[in-house]
Amino acid sequence: MAIPDDLVELGRIVSAYGVRGMIKIQPHSAQESILLNVKEWWLARLSRAGVQQEPHRLVRVLRARDHAGSIVAQLEGCDDRDQAEALKGTSIFVSRDCFPSAPDDEFYWIDLIGCSVYSAADSSGPVLLGVVHEVSDNGAHAVLHIGRQGVDEQGNLVFLKDDKGRVKEVLVPFVQAHVPFVDIKQKRIETDWPADL
């Protein structure tokens, strides 16, 4: 089977669970329901720098359930604790195409990454703040990490950098009060959050 080109890393195997080959997984976000509902996962080992160390391999999930903030699962062909321990540190990927549809007022974080963000704070109309390059959770809500963009002297769109050469960033709380408009198909988000905060 061909490896899908839309794989999304959703978690990591942290240990064996019990003696019959079950594994314990730490999901990467609050959207662990995908791991509970999808019955085929792709596994691969990544280095600490995120470099893939082995080819993806497809595994069938026999069962999976919540367990105190993590997930425990039984994979086909993983029948004892030693086999489960050998999977420790392996990352779990799922094809984006397999994700269940999100409710109208909810979004998968992976779909927010790459969206252009416009601020309506300017009276002359929407102003481009930049592009979402990361989404994190601060405990109360999600936060959009936006790489600031602007136009250079030649009229090209470029990332704005600080004195140390790092891309400037603005953090926007991803809540309805500050982000009233999201269009995933157009990859456009509008916010009232000021660019200088």
C-alpha atoms as a PDB file:
ATOM      1  CA  MET A   1       0.000   0.000   0.000  1.00  0.00           C
ATOM      2  CA  ALA A   2       1.315   3.446  -0.929  1.00  0.00           C
ATOM      3  CA  ILE A   3       2.145   5.796   1.929  1.00  0.00           C
ATOM      4  CA  PRO A   4      -0.341   8.703   1.913  1.00  0.00           C
ATOM      5  CA  ASP A   5       1.191  12.134   1.335  1.00  0.00           C
ATOM      6  CA  ASP A   6      -1.108  13.768   3.912  1.00  0.00           C
ATOM      7  CA  LEU A   7       0.065  11.978   7.069  1.00  0.00           C
ATOM      8  CA  VAL A   8      -0.313  13.928  10.308  1.00  0.00           C
ATOM      9  CA  GLU A   9       1.636  13.004  13.440  1.00  0.00           C
ATOM     10  CA  LEU A  10      -0.889  12.601  16.258  1.00  0.00           C
ATOM     11  CA  GLY A  11       1.000  10.938  19.086  1.00  0.00           C
ATOM     12  CA  ARG A  12       3.869   8.841  20.339  1.00  0.00           C
ATOM     13  CA  ILE A  13       4.087   5.393  21.927  1.00  0.00           C
ATOM     14  CA  VAL A  14       5.514   5.884  25.422  1.00  0.00           C
ATOM     15  CA  SER A  15       5.442   2.353  26.858  1.00  0.00           C
ATOM     16  CA  ALA A  16       3.936  -1.103  26.928  1.00  0.00           C
ATOM     17  CA  TYR A  17       0.665  -1.457  28.825  1.00  0.00           C
ATOM     18  CA  GLY A  18       0.089  -4.744  30.604  1.00  0.00           C
ATOM     19  CA  VAL A  19       1.507  -8.094  29.482  1.00  0.00           C
ATOM     20  CA  ARG A  20      -0.578  -8.878  26.387  1.00  0.00           C
ATOM     21  CA  GLY A  21       1.031  -6.506  23.899  1.00  0.00           C
ATOM     22  CA  MET A  22      -0.992  -3.351  24.476  1.00  0.00           C
ATOM     23  CA  ILE A  23       0.739   0.019  24.083  1.00  0.00           C
ATOM     24  CA  LYS A  24       0.348   3.353  25.860  1.00  0.00           C
ATOM     25  CA  ILE A  25       0.218   6.472  23.691  1.00  0.00           C
ATOM     26  CA  GLN A  26       0.672  10.152  24.529  1.00  0.00           C
ATOM     27  CA  PRO A  27      -1.481  12.130  22.055  1.00  0.00           C
ATOM     28  CA  HIS A  28      -0.024  15.428  20.777  1.00  0.00           C
ATOM     29  CA  SER A  29      -3.203  17.471  21.210  1.00  0.00           C
ATOM     30  CA  ALA A  30      -6.676  17.467  22.649  1.00  0.00           C
ATOM     31  CA  GLN A  31      -7.918  15.917  19.401  1.00  0.00           C
ATOM     32  CA  GLU A  32      -7.067  12.360  20.458  1.00  0.00           C
ATOM     33  CA  SER A  33     -10.523  11.230  19.335  1.00  0.00           C
ATOM     34  CA  ILE A  34      -9.009  10.687  15.883  1.00  0.00           C
ATOM     35  CA  LEU A  35      -6.723   7.984  17.297  1.00  0.00           C
ATOM     36  CA  LEU A  36      -9.723   6.367  18.967  1.00  0.00           C
ATOM     37  CA  ASN A  37     -11.828   6.310  15.801  1.00  0.00           C
ATOM     38  CA  VAL A  38      -9.365   5.513  13.003  1.00  0.00           C
ATOM     39  CA  LYS A  39      -8.525   1.809  12.671  1.00  0.00           C
ATOM     40  CA  GLU A  40      -5.319   2.117  10.638  1.00  0.00           C
ATOM     41  CA  TRP A  41      -2.246   3.980  11.833  1.00  0.00           C
ATOM     42  CA  TRP A  42       1.118   4.573  10.216  1.00  0.00           C
ATOM     43  CA  LEU A  43       4.140   4.127  12.494  1.00  0.00           C
ATOM     44  CA  ALA A  44       7.658   5.552  12.072  1.00  0.00           C
ATOM     45  CA  ARG A  45      10.561   6.467  14.324  1.00  0.00           C
ATOM     46  CA  LEU A  46      11.706  10.086  14.348  1.00  0.00           C
ATOM     47  CA  SER A  47      14.942  11.479  15.743  1.00  0.00           C
ATOM     48  CA  ARG A  48      14.842  14.190  18.413  1.00  0.00           C
ATOM     49  CA  ALA A  49      15.201  16.707  15.585  1.00  0.00           C
ATOM     50  CA  GLY A  50      12.095  15.270  13.887  1.00  0.00           C
ATOM     51  CA  VAL A  51      13.996  13.494  11.108  1.00  0.00           C
ATOM     52  CA  GLN A  52      12.382  10.238  10.032  1.00  0.00           C
ATOM     53  CA  GLN A  53      14.665   7.275  10.817  1.00  0.00           C
ATOM     54  CA  GLU A  54      12.660   4.469   9.178  1.00  0.00           C
ATOM     55  CA  PRO A  55       9.941   4.107   6.536  1.00  0.00           C
ATOM     56  CA  HIS A  56       6.326   4.423   7.632  1.00  0.00           C
ATOM     57  CA  ARG A  57       4.575   1.113   8.159  1.00  0.00           C
ATOM     58  CA  LEU A  58       0.853   0.509   8.312  1.00  0.00           C
ATOM     59  CA  VAL A  59      -0.671  -1.185  11.372  1.00  0.00           C
ATOM     60  CA  ARG A  60      -4.243  -2.230  12.095  1.00  0.00           C
ATOM     61  CA  VAL A  61      -5.727  -1.084  15.405  1.00  0.00           C
ATOM     62  CA  LEU A  62      -7.753  -3.845  17.059  1.00  0.00           C
ATOM     63  CA  ARG A  63      -8.979  -1.647  19.917  1.00  0.00           C
ATOM     64  CA  ALA A  64      -8.170   1.688  21.555  1.00  0.00           C
ATOM     65  CA  ARG A  65      -9.523   3.568  24.560  1.00  0.00           C
ATOM     66  CA  ASP A  66      -8.911   6.602  26.765  1.00  0.00           C
ATOM     67  CA  HIS A  67      -6.789   6.005  29.846  1.00  0.00           C
ATOM     68  CA  ALA A  68      -6.126   8.881  32.267  1.00  0.00           C
ATOM     69  CA  GLY A  69      -5.044  11.493  29.711  1.00  0.00           C
ATOM     70  CA  SER A  70      -3.410   8.985  27.399  1.00  0.00           C
ATOM     71  CA  ILE A  71      -4.618   6.202  25.095  1.00  0.00           C
ATOM     72  CA  VAL A  72      -4.059   2.472  25.369  1.00  0.00           C
ATOM     73  CA  ALA A  73      -4.357   0.343  22.257  1.00  0.00           C
ATOM     74  CA  GLN A  74      -3.908  -3.163  20.899  1.00  0.00           C
ATOM     75  CA  LEU A  75      -2.257  -3.439  17.478  1.00  0.00           C
ATOM     76  CA  GLU A  76      -2.567  -6.433  15.199  1.00  0.00           C
ATOM     77  CA  GLY A  77       0.552  -8.600  15.474  1.00  0.00           C
ATOM     78  CA  CYS A  78       1.681  -7.096  18.787  1.00  0.00           C
ATOM     79  CA  ASP A  79       0.945  -9.976  21.150  1.00  0.00           C
ATOM     80  CA  ASP A  80       3.288  -9.639  24.135  1.00  0.00           C
ATOM     81  CA  ARG A  81       4.949  -7.058  26.334  1.00  0.00           C
ATOM     82  CA  ASP A  82       8.354  -7.376  24.622  1.00  0.00           C
ATOM     83  CA  GLN A  83       6.843  -6.527  21.217  1.00  0.00           C
ATOM     84  CA  ALA A  84       5.006  -3.577  22.767  1.00  0.00           C
ATOM     85  CA  GLU A  85       8.163  -2.307  24.526  1.00  0.00           C
ATOM     86  CA  ALA A  86      10.035  -2.465  21.208  1.00  0.00           C
ATOM     87  CA  LEU A  87       7.591   0.175  19.859  1.00  0.00           C
ATOM     88  CA  LYS A  88       8.452   2.700  22.600  1.00  0.00           C
ATOM     89  CA  GLY A  89       9.374   6.064  21.054  1.00  0.00           C
ATOM     90  CA  THR A  90       7.585   5.354  17.770  1.00  0.00           C
ATOM     91  CA  SER A  91       5.424   8.163  16.366  1.00  0.00           C
ATOM     92  CA  ILE A  92       1.869   7.539  15.177  1.00  0.00           C
ATOM     93  CA  PHE A  93       0.545   9.120  11.999  1.00  0.00           C
ATOM     94  CA  VAL A  94      -2.913   9.149  10.422  1.00  0.00           C
ATOM     95  CA  SER A  95      -3.896  10.273   6.936  1.00  0.00           C
ATOM     96  CA  ARG A  96      -5.666  13.659   7.090  1.00  0.00           C
ATOM     97  CA  ASP A  97      -8.215  12.156   4.712  1.00  0.00           C
ATOM     98  CA  CYS A  98      -9.291   9.717   7.473  1.00  0.00           C
ATOM     99  CA  PHE A  99     -10.150  12.429  10.010  1.00  0.00           C
ATOM    100  CA  PRO A 100     -13.862  12.587  10.885  1.00  0.00           C
ATOM    101  CA  SER A 101     -15.613  15.796   9.849  1.00  0.00           C
ATOM    102  CA  ALA A 102     -15.212  18.542  12.438  1.00  0.00           C
ATOM    103  CA  PRO A 103     -18.346  20.295  13.745  1.00  0.00           C
ATOM    104  CA  ASP A 104     -19.099  23.649  12.085  1.00  0.00           C
ATOM    105  CA  ASP A 105     -17.585  25.729  14.880  1.00  0.00           C
ATOM    106  CA  GLU A 106     -14.485  23.556  15.455  1.00  0.00           C
ATOM    107  CA  PHE A 107     -11.262  23.081  13.493  1.00  0.00           C
ATOM    108  CA  TYR A 108      -8.439  20.608  13.377  1.00  0.00           C
ATOM    109  CA  TRP A 109      -5.204  22.359  14.296  1.00  0.00           C
ATOM    110  CA  ILE A 110      -3.424  20.910  11.263  1.00  0.00           C
ATOM    111  CA  ASP A 111      -5.914  22.759   9.025  1.00  0.00           C
ATOM    112  CA  LEU A 112      -5.121  26.111  10.685  1.00  0.00           C
ATOM    113  CA  ILE A 113      -1.402  25.855   9.918  1.00  0.00           C
ATOM    114  CA  GLY A 114      -0.603  27.724   6.712  1.00  0.00           C
ATOM    115  CA  CYS A 115      -3.650  30.001   6.923  1.00  0.00           C
ATOM    116  CA  SER A 116      -3.075  33.709   6.272  1.00  0.00           C
ATOM    117  CA  VAL A 117      -4.233  35.868   9.172  1.00  0.00           C
ATOM    118  CA  TYR A 118      -5.672  39.342   8.645  1.00  0.00           C
ATOM    119  CA  SER A 119      -6.271  41.955  11.323  1.00  0.00           C
ATOM    120  CA  ALA A 120      -9.355  44.131  11.057  1.00  0.00           C
ATOM    121  CA  ALA A 121      -7.889  46.482  13.661  1.00  0.00           C
ATOM    122  CA  ASP A 122      -6.893  48.986  10.942  1.00  0.00           C
ATOM    123  CA  SER A 123      -9.616  51.447   9.829  1.00  0.00           C
ATOM    124  CA  SER A 124      -8.442  51.178   6.208  1.00  0.00           C
ATOM    125  CA  GLY A 125      -9.463  47.524   6.028  1.00  0.00           C
ATOM    126  CA  PRO A 126      -7.929  44.127   6.769  1.00  0.00           C
ATOM    127  CA  VAL A 127      -4.138  44.083   7.131  1.00  0.00           C
ATOM    128  CA  LEU A 128      -2.090  40.916   6.681  1.00  0.00           C
ATOM    129  CA  LEU A 129      -0.513  39.891   9.997  1.00  0.00           C
ATOM    130  CA  GLY A 130       1.172  36.776   8.669  1.00  0.00           C
ATOM    131  CA  VAL A 131       0.805  33.009   8.450  1.00  0.00           C
ATOM    132  CA  VAL A 132      -0.053  30.477  11.157  1.00  0.00           C
ATOM    133  CA  HIS A 133       2.999  28.229  11.621  1.00  0.00           C
ATOM    134  CA  GLU A 134       2.007  26.547  14.894  1.00  0.00           C
ATOM    135  CA  VAL A 135      -0.964  26.049  17.204  1.00  0.00           C
ATOM    136  CA  SER A 136      -0.502  25.377  20.916  1.00  0.00           C
ATOM    137  CA  ASP A 137      -2.720  24.897  23.955  1.00  0.00           C
ATOM    138  CA  ASN A 138      -2.280  27.122  27.013  1.00  0.00           C
ATOM    139  CA  GLY A 139      -4.733  25.141  29.144  1.00  0.00           C
ATOM    140  CA  ALA A 140      -7.650  27.511  28.651  1.00  0.00           C
ATOM    141  CA  HIS A 141      -7.752  27.633  24.836  1.00  0.00           C
ATOM    142  CA  ALA A 142      -5.698  27.177  21.700  1.00  0.00           C
ATOM    143  CA  VAL A 143      -3.189  29.852  20.658  1.00  0.00           C
ATOM    144  CA  LEU A 144      -2.253  30.690  17.062  1.00  0.00           C
ATOM    145  CA  HIS A 145       1.473  31.323  16.497  1.00  0.00           C
ATOM    146  CA  ILE A 146       1.643  33.689  13.532  1.00  0.00           C
ATOM    147  CA  GLY A 147       4.855  34.389  11.631  1.00  0.00           C
ATOM    148  CA  ARG A 148       4.638  38.102  10.821  1.00  0.00           C
ATOM    149  CA  GLN A 149       4.751  39.108   7.178  1.00  0.00           C
ATOM    150  CA  GLY A 150       5.183  42.368   5.352  1.00  0.00           C
ATOM    151  CA  VAL A 151       6.160  43.744   1.940  1.00  0.00           C
ATOM    152  CA  ASP A 152       9.803  44.464   1.090  1.00  0.00           C
ATOM    153  CA  GLU A 153      11.103  47.341  -1.067  1.00  0.00           C
ATOM    154  CA  GLN A 154      10.512  45.327  -4.261  1.00  0.00           C
ATOM    155  CA  GLY A 155       6.895  44.645  -3.308  1.00  0.00           C
ATOM    156  CA  ASN A 156       7.480  40.991  -2.379  1.00  0.00           C
ATOM    157  CA  LEU A 157       5.766  39.376   0.588  1.00  0.00           C
ATOM    158  CA  VAL A 158       8.445  38.405   3.152  1.00  0.00           C
ATOM    159  CA  PHE A 159       8.642  37.274   6.749  1.00  0.00           C
ATOM    160  CA  LEU A 160       9.621  40.074   9.135  1.00  0.00           C
ATOM    161  CA  LYS A 161      12.675  39.327  11.262  1.00  0.00           C
ATOM    162  CA  ASP A 162      14.033  40.644  14.526  1.00  0.00           C
ATOM    163  CA  ASP A 163      17.623  41.816  15.193  1.00  0.00           C
ATOM    164  CA  LYS A 164      18.762  38.209  15.648  1.00  0.00           C
ATOM    165  CA  GLY A 165      17.320  37.073  12.319  1.00  0.00           C
ATOM    166  CA  ARG A 166      14.369  35.198  13.817  1.00  0.00           C
ATOM    167  CA  VAL A 167      10.897  35.512  12.299  1.00  0.00           C
ATOM    168  CA  LYS A 168       8.785  37.906  14.355  1.00  0.00           C
ATOM    169  CA  GLU A 169       5.773  36.249  15.889  1.00  0.00           C
ATOM    170  CA  VAL A 170       2.414  37.339  17.241  1.00  0.00           C
ATOM    171  CA  LEU A 171       0.338  35.057  19.469  1.00  0.00           C
ATOM    172  CA  VAL A 172      -3.433  35.217  19.073  1.00  0.00           C
ATOM    173  CA  PRO A 173      -5.893  33.478  21.417  1.00  0.00           C
ATOM    174  CA  PHE A 174      -7.986  31.183  19.224  1.00  0.00           C
ATOM    175  CA  VAL A 175     -11.340  32.117  20.715  1.00  0.00           C
ATOM    176  CA  GLN A 176     -14.484  33.460  19.052  1.00  0.00           C
ATOM    177  CA  ALA A 177     -14.093  36.837  20.779  1.00  0.00           C
ATOM    178  CA  HIS A 178     -10.806  37.507  18.942  1.00  0.00           C
ATOM    179  CA  VAL A 179     -11.084  35.252  15.888  1.00  0.00           C
ATOM    180  CA  PRO A 180     -14.585  35.723  14.447  1.00  0.00           C
ATOM    181  CA  PHE A 181     -13.851  34.372  10.955  1.00  0.00           C
ATOM    182  CA  VAL A 182     -12.098  31.216   9.739  1.00  0.00           C
ATOM    183  CA  ASP A 183     -12.308  29.901   6.167  1.00  0.00           C
ATOM    184  CA  ILE A 184     -10.274  26.706   5.887  1.00  0.00           C
ATOM    185  CA  LYS A 185     -10.949  26.313   2.151  1.00  0.00           C
ATOM    186  CA  GLN A 186      -9.610  29.814   1.426  1.00  0.00           C
ATOM    187  CA  LYS A 187      -6.879  29.413   4.122  1.00  0.00           C
ATOM    188  CA  ARG A 188      -7.974  32.755   5.630  1.00  0.00           C
ATOM    189  CA  ILE A 189      -8.437  33.809   9.253  1.00  0.00           C
ATOM    190  CA  GLU A 190      -9.576  37.225  10.462  1.00  0.00           C
ATOM    191  CA  THR A 191      -8.887  38.613  13.929  1.00  0.00           C
ATOM    192  CA  ASP A 192      -9.268  41.825  15.902  1.00  0.00           C
ATOM    193  CA  TRP A 193      -5.974  41.145  17.702  1.00  0.00           C
ATOM    194  CA  PRO A 194      -3.443  43.980  17.273  1.00  0.00           C
ATOM    195  CA  ALA A 195      -0.184  43.146  15.525  1.00  0.00           C
ATOM    196  CA  ASP A 196       2.002  44.778  18.175  1.00  0.00           C
ATOM    197  CA  LEU A 197       0.960  42.606  21.128  1.00  0.00           C
END
